[in-house]
Amino acid sequence: MSTSWQDPAAVDSMLNELETWAVVGLSGDPSKTAYRIAALLQSRGKRIVPIHPSAPTVLGEQGYASLADVPFPIDVVDVFRRSEAAGQFADEAVKVGAKGVWFQLGVVDEDAFERTTAAGVPMVMDTCPAIEWRKRGVLD
């Protein structure tokens, strides 16, 4: 694992400063990790934007079928997809002007990391906001 994937400055910036998180793969299924993490993000004051092909409303927020469909600025694109499918969302995040990309625990795409950071967009991979907040003593 490359430690640059979890650069503390990038993690801190996303967790502390960026407010609107598009959650790729978020559906209305409360048993899914994406749902639980989206609820946690909301509880920490973040606005979540569900990104899912069926565009469901989740946790009271209107969903969109793609990042390009979101009619307002997105700060962080948080990706809950298999590693093989995740890279396209990093590329889309750069295209829509996101300020950060976050690949969840177990999601790694080194080429996407290189493309995204080369485009000037900080990226975090293979960790979770809950883990990072816990490390910082923010969550019990």
C-alpha atoms as a PDB file:
ATOM      1  CA  MET A   1       0.000   0.000   0.000  1.00  0.00           C
ATOM      2  CA  SER A   2       1.218   3.449  -0.841  1.00  0.00           C
ATOM      3  CA  THR A   3       0.998   5.821   2.108  1.00  0.00           C
ATOM      4  CA  SER A   4       0.337   8.642  -0.371  1.00  0.00           C
ATOM      5  CA  TRP A   5      -3.092   7.039  -0.906  1.00  0.00           C
ATOM      6  CA  GLN A   6      -3.978   8.098   2.616  1.00  0.00           C
ATOM      7  CA  ASP A   7      -2.141  11.399   2.865  1.00  0.00           C
ATOM      8  CA  PRO A   8      -3.213  12.881   6.214  1.00  0.00           C
ATOM      9  CA  ALA A   9      -3.503  16.385   4.718  1.00  0.00           C
ATOM     10  CA  ALA A  10      -5.876  15.135   1.997  1.00  0.00           C
ATOM     11  CA  VAL A  11      -7.912  13.118   4.514  1.00  0.00           C
ATOM     12  CA  ASP A  12      -8.141  16.062   6.934  1.00  0.00           C
ATOM     13  CA  SER A  13      -9.121  18.486   4.176  1.00  0.00           C
ATOM     14  CA  MET A  14     -11.927  16.249   2.945  1.00  0.00           C
ATOM     15  CA  LEU A  15     -13.249  15.389   6.396  1.00  0.00           C
ATOM     16  CA  ASN A  16     -12.959  18.870   7.893  1.00  0.00           C
ATOM     17  CA  GLU A  17     -13.449  21.348   5.055  1.00  0.00           C
ATOM     18  CA  LEU A  18     -15.471  19.771   2.254  1.00  0.00           C
ATOM     19  CA  GLU A  19     -19.222  19.641   2.734  1.00  0.00           C
ATOM     20  CA  THR A  20     -21.022  18.096  -0.266  1.00  0.00           C
ATOM     21  CA  TRP A  21     -20.266  14.396  -0.723  1.00  0.00           C
ATOM     22  CA  ALA A  22     -21.569  12.516  -3.762  1.00  0.00           C
ATOM     23  CA  VAL A  23     -21.809   8.867  -2.702  1.00  0.00           C
ATOM     24  CA  VAL A  24     -21.427   6.593  -5.740  1.00  0.00           C
ATOM     25  CA  GLY A  25     -23.294   3.317  -5.290  1.00  0.00           C
ATOM     26  CA  LEU A  26     -25.631   4.629  -2.576  1.00  0.00           C
ATOM     27  CA  SER A  27     -29.013   2.926  -2.561  1.00  0.00           C
ATOM     28  CA  GLY A  28     -31.807   2.900  -0.007  1.00  0.00           C
ATOM     29  CA  ASP A  29     -30.704  -0.427   1.508  1.00  0.00           C
ATOM     30  CA  PRO A  30     -29.826   0.228   5.181  1.00  0.00           C
ATOM     31  CA  SER A  31     -27.879  -3.058   5.375  1.00  0.00           C
ATOM     32  CA  LYS A  32     -25.283  -1.752   2.876  1.00  0.00           C
ATOM     33  CA  THR A  33     -22.078  -0.094   4.015  1.00  0.00           C
ATOM     34  CA  ALA A  34     -22.639   2.853   1.653  1.00  0.00           C
ATOM     35  CA  TYR A  35     -25.926   3.627   3.413  1.00  0.00           C
ATOM     36  CA  ARG A  36     -24.358   3.499   6.887  1.00  0.00           C
ATOM     37  CA  ILE A  37     -21.426   5.705   5.858  1.00  0.00           C
ATOM     38  CA  ALA A  38     -23.749   8.199   4.137  1.00  0.00           C
ATOM     39  CA  ALA A  39     -25.786   8.388   7.354  1.00  0.00           C
ATOM     40  CA  LEU A  40     -22.553   8.962   9.299  1.00  0.00           C
ATOM     41  CA  LEU A  41     -21.509  11.721   6.895  1.00  0.00           C
ATOM     42  CA  GLN A  42     -24.912  13.375   7.416  1.00  0.00           C
ATOM     43  CA  SER A  43     -24.557  13.096  11.197  1.00  0.00           C
ATOM     44  CA  ARG A  44     -21.209  14.913  10.882  1.00  0.00           C
ATOM     45  CA  GLY A  45     -22.887  17.779   8.997  1.00  0.00           C
ATOM     46  CA  LYS A  46     -22.134  16.739   5.417  1.00  0.00           C
ATOM     47  CA  ARG A  47     -24.649  16.985   2.584  1.00  0.00           C
ATOM     48  CA  ILE A  48     -24.860  13.651   0.796  1.00  0.00           C
ATOM     49  CA  VAL A  49     -25.812  13.206  -2.845  1.00  0.00           C
ATOM     50  CA  PRO A  50     -26.828   9.661  -3.828  1.00  0.00           C
ATOM     51  CA  ILE A  51     -25.330   8.558  -7.177  1.00  0.00           C
ATOM     52  CA  HIS A  52     -26.999   5.379  -8.402  1.00  0.00           C
ATOM     53  CA  PRO A  53     -28.366   4.265 -11.803  1.00  0.00           C
ATOM     54  CA  SER A  54     -31.938   4.221 -10.439  1.00  0.00           C
ATOM     55  CA  ALA A  55     -31.448   7.669  -8.778  1.00  0.00           C
ATOM     56  CA  PRO A  56     -33.315   6.874  -5.560  1.00  0.00           C
ATOM     57  CA  THR A  57     -33.970   9.439  -2.840  1.00  0.00           C
ATOM     58  CA  VAL A  58     -31.866   8.223   0.103  1.00  0.00           C
ATOM     59  CA  LEU A  59     -31.694   9.640   3.619  1.00  0.00           C
ATOM     60  CA  GLY A  60     -33.927  12.504   2.461  1.00  0.00           C
ATOM     61  CA  GLU A  61     -31.608  13.546  -0.388  1.00  0.00           C
ATOM     62  CA  GLN A  62     -32.519  13.430  -4.092  1.00  0.00           C
ATOM     63  CA  GLY A  63     -30.475  10.905  -6.021  1.00  0.00           C
ATOM     64  CA  TYR A  64     -28.937  11.301  -9.469  1.00  0.00           C
ATOM     65  CA  ALA A  65     -28.091   8.661 -12.075  1.00  0.00           C
ATOM     66  CA  SER A  66     -24.610  10.108 -12.675  1.00  0.00           C
ATOM     67  CA  LEU A  67     -22.218  12.749 -11.383  1.00  0.00           C
ATOM     68  CA  ALA A  68     -22.816  14.777 -14.550  1.00  0.00           C
ATOM     69  CA  ASP A  69     -26.541  14.997 -13.666  1.00  0.00           C
ATOM     70  CA  VAL A  70     -25.937  16.787 -10.351  1.00  0.00           C
ATOM     71  CA  PRO A  71     -26.943  20.450 -10.870  1.00  0.00           C
ATOM     72  CA  PHE A  72     -24.736  21.926  -8.121  1.00  0.00           C
ATOM     73  CA  PRO A  73     -21.063  21.700  -7.126  1.00  0.00           C
ATOM     74  CA  ILE A  74     -19.768  18.490  -5.568  1.00  0.00           C
ATOM     75  CA  ASP A  75     -16.877  18.669  -3.109  1.00  0.00           C
ATOM     76  CA  VAL A  76     -16.009  14.979  -2.648  1.00  0.00           C
ATOM     77  CA  VAL A  77     -16.885  11.929  -4.735  1.00  0.00           C
ATOM     78  CA  ASP A  78     -17.000   8.931  -2.367  1.00  0.00           C
ATOM     79  CA  VAL A  79     -16.910   5.672  -4.356  1.00  0.00           C
ATOM     80  CA  PHE A  80     -18.491   2.408  -3.163  1.00  0.00           C
ATOM     81  CA  ARG A  81     -17.779   0.259  -6.220  1.00  0.00           C
ATOM     82  CA  ARG A  82     -15.436  -2.627  -6.944  1.00  0.00           C
ATOM     83  CA  SER A  83     -11.890  -1.551  -7.774  1.00  0.00           C
ATOM     84  CA  GLU A  84     -12.320  -2.577 -11.436  1.00  0.00           C
ATOM     85  CA  ALA A  85     -15.306  -0.239 -11.811  1.00  0.00           C
ATOM     86  CA  ALA A  86     -14.135   2.658  -9.636  1.00  0.00           C
ATOM     87  CA  GLY A  87     -11.670   4.460 -11.910  1.00  0.00           C
ATOM     88  CA  GLN A  88     -14.303   5.890 -14.224  1.00  0.00           C
ATOM     89  CA  PHE A  89     -15.843   7.719 -11.249  1.00  0.00           C
ATOM     90  CA  ALA A  90     -12.501   9.328 -10.396  1.00  0.00           C
ATOM     91  CA  ASP A  91     -12.312  10.546 -13.993  1.00  0.00           C
ATOM     92  CA  GLU A  92     -15.896  11.846 -13.831  1.00  0.00           C
ATOM     93  CA  ALA A  93     -15.125  13.576 -10.523  1.00  0.00           C
ATOM     94  CA  VAL A  94     -12.292  15.486 -12.174  1.00  0.00           C
ATOM     95  CA  LYS A  95     -14.598  16.409 -15.102  1.00  0.00           C
ATOM     96  CA  VAL A  96     -17.316  17.822 -12.818  1.00  0.00           C
ATOM     97  CA  GLY A  97     -14.811  19.836 -10.784  1.00  0.00           C
ATOM     98  CA  ALA A  98     -14.871  17.883  -7.515  1.00  0.00           C
ATOM     99  CA  LYS A  99     -12.314  18.981  -4.933  1.00  0.00           C
ATOM    100  CA  GLY A 100     -11.553  15.437  -3.768  1.00  0.00           C
ATOM    101  CA  VAL A 101     -12.064  11.759  -4.547  1.00  0.00           C
ATOM    102  CA  TRP A 102     -12.408   9.073  -1.880  1.00  0.00           C
ATOM    103  CA  PHE A 103     -12.264   5.343  -2.668  1.00  0.00           C
ATOM    104  CA  GLN A 104     -13.648   3.252   0.172  1.00  0.00           C
ATOM    105  CA  LEU A 105     -11.918   0.483   2.116  1.00  0.00           C
ATOM    106  CA  GLY A 106     -10.755  -2.222  -0.281  1.00  0.00           C
ATOM    107  CA  VAL A 107     -11.168  -0.028  -3.369  1.00  0.00           C
ATOM    108  CA  VAL A 108      -7.818   0.582  -5.074  1.00  0.00           C
ATOM    109  CA  ASP A 109      -7.017   1.762  -8.594  1.00  0.00           C
ATOM    110  CA  GLU A 110      -3.430   3.006  -8.844  1.00  0.00           C
ATOM    111  CA  ASP A 111      -3.893   4.320 -12.399  1.00  0.00           C
ATOM    112  CA  ALA A 112      -6.964   6.333 -11.356  1.00  0.00           C
ATOM    113  CA  PHE A 113      -4.987   7.696  -8.392  1.00  0.00           C
ATOM    114  CA  GLU A 114      -2.204   8.841 -10.740  1.00  0.00           C
ATOM    115  CA  ARG A 115      -4.649  10.441 -13.211  1.00  0.00           C
ATOM    116  CA  THR A 116      -6.676  12.170 -10.514  1.00  0.00           C
ATOM    117  CA  THR A 117      -3.776  13.587  -8.529  1.00  0.00           C
ATOM    118  CA  ALA A 118      -1.998  14.601 -11.774  1.00  0.00           C
ATOM    119  CA  ALA A 119      -5.143  16.632 -12.559  1.00  0.00           C
ATOM    120  CA  GLY A 120      -4.656  18.421  -9.226  1.00  0.00           C
ATOM    121  CA  VAL A 121      -7.477  16.688  -7.365  1.00  0.00           C
ATOM    122  CA  PRO A 122      -6.541  15.110  -4.024  1.00  0.00           C
ATOM    123  CA  MET A 123      -7.508  11.445  -3.731  1.00  0.00           C
ATOM    124  CA  VAL A 124      -7.746   9.007  -0.836  1.00  0.00           C
ATOM    125  CA  MET A 125      -8.011   5.240  -1.362  1.00  0.00           C
ATOM    126  CA  ASP A 126      -8.591   2.087   0.666  1.00  0.00           C
ATOM    127  CA  THR A 127      -9.983   3.677   3.813  1.00  0.00           C
ATOM    128  CA  CYS A 128     -13.266   4.934   5.199  1.00  0.00           C
ATOM    129  CA  PRO A 129     -14.371   8.233   6.781  1.00  0.00           C
ATOM    130  CA  ALA A 130     -15.478   6.299   9.887  1.00  0.00           C
ATOM    131  CA  ILE A 131     -11.987   4.796  10.276  1.00  0.00           C
ATOM    132  CA  GLU A 132     -10.294   8.137   9.717  1.00  0.00           C
ATOM    133  CA  TRP A 133     -12.561  10.011  12.145  1.00  0.00           C
ATOM    134  CA  ARG A 134     -11.951   7.280  14.732  1.00  0.00           C
ATOM    135  CA  LYS A 135      -8.165   7.626  14.255  1.00  0.00           C
ATOM    136  CA  ARG A 136      -8.556  11.356  14.935  1.00  0.00           C
ATOM    137  CA  GLY A 137     -10.601  10.753  18.089  1.00  0.00           C
ATOM    138  CA  VAL A 138     -13.770  12.219  16.580  1.00  0.00           C
ATOM    139  CA  LEU A 139     -15.861   9.028  16.837  1.00  0.00           C
ATOM    140  CA  ASP A 140     -16.072   6.615  19.745  1.00  0.00           C
END
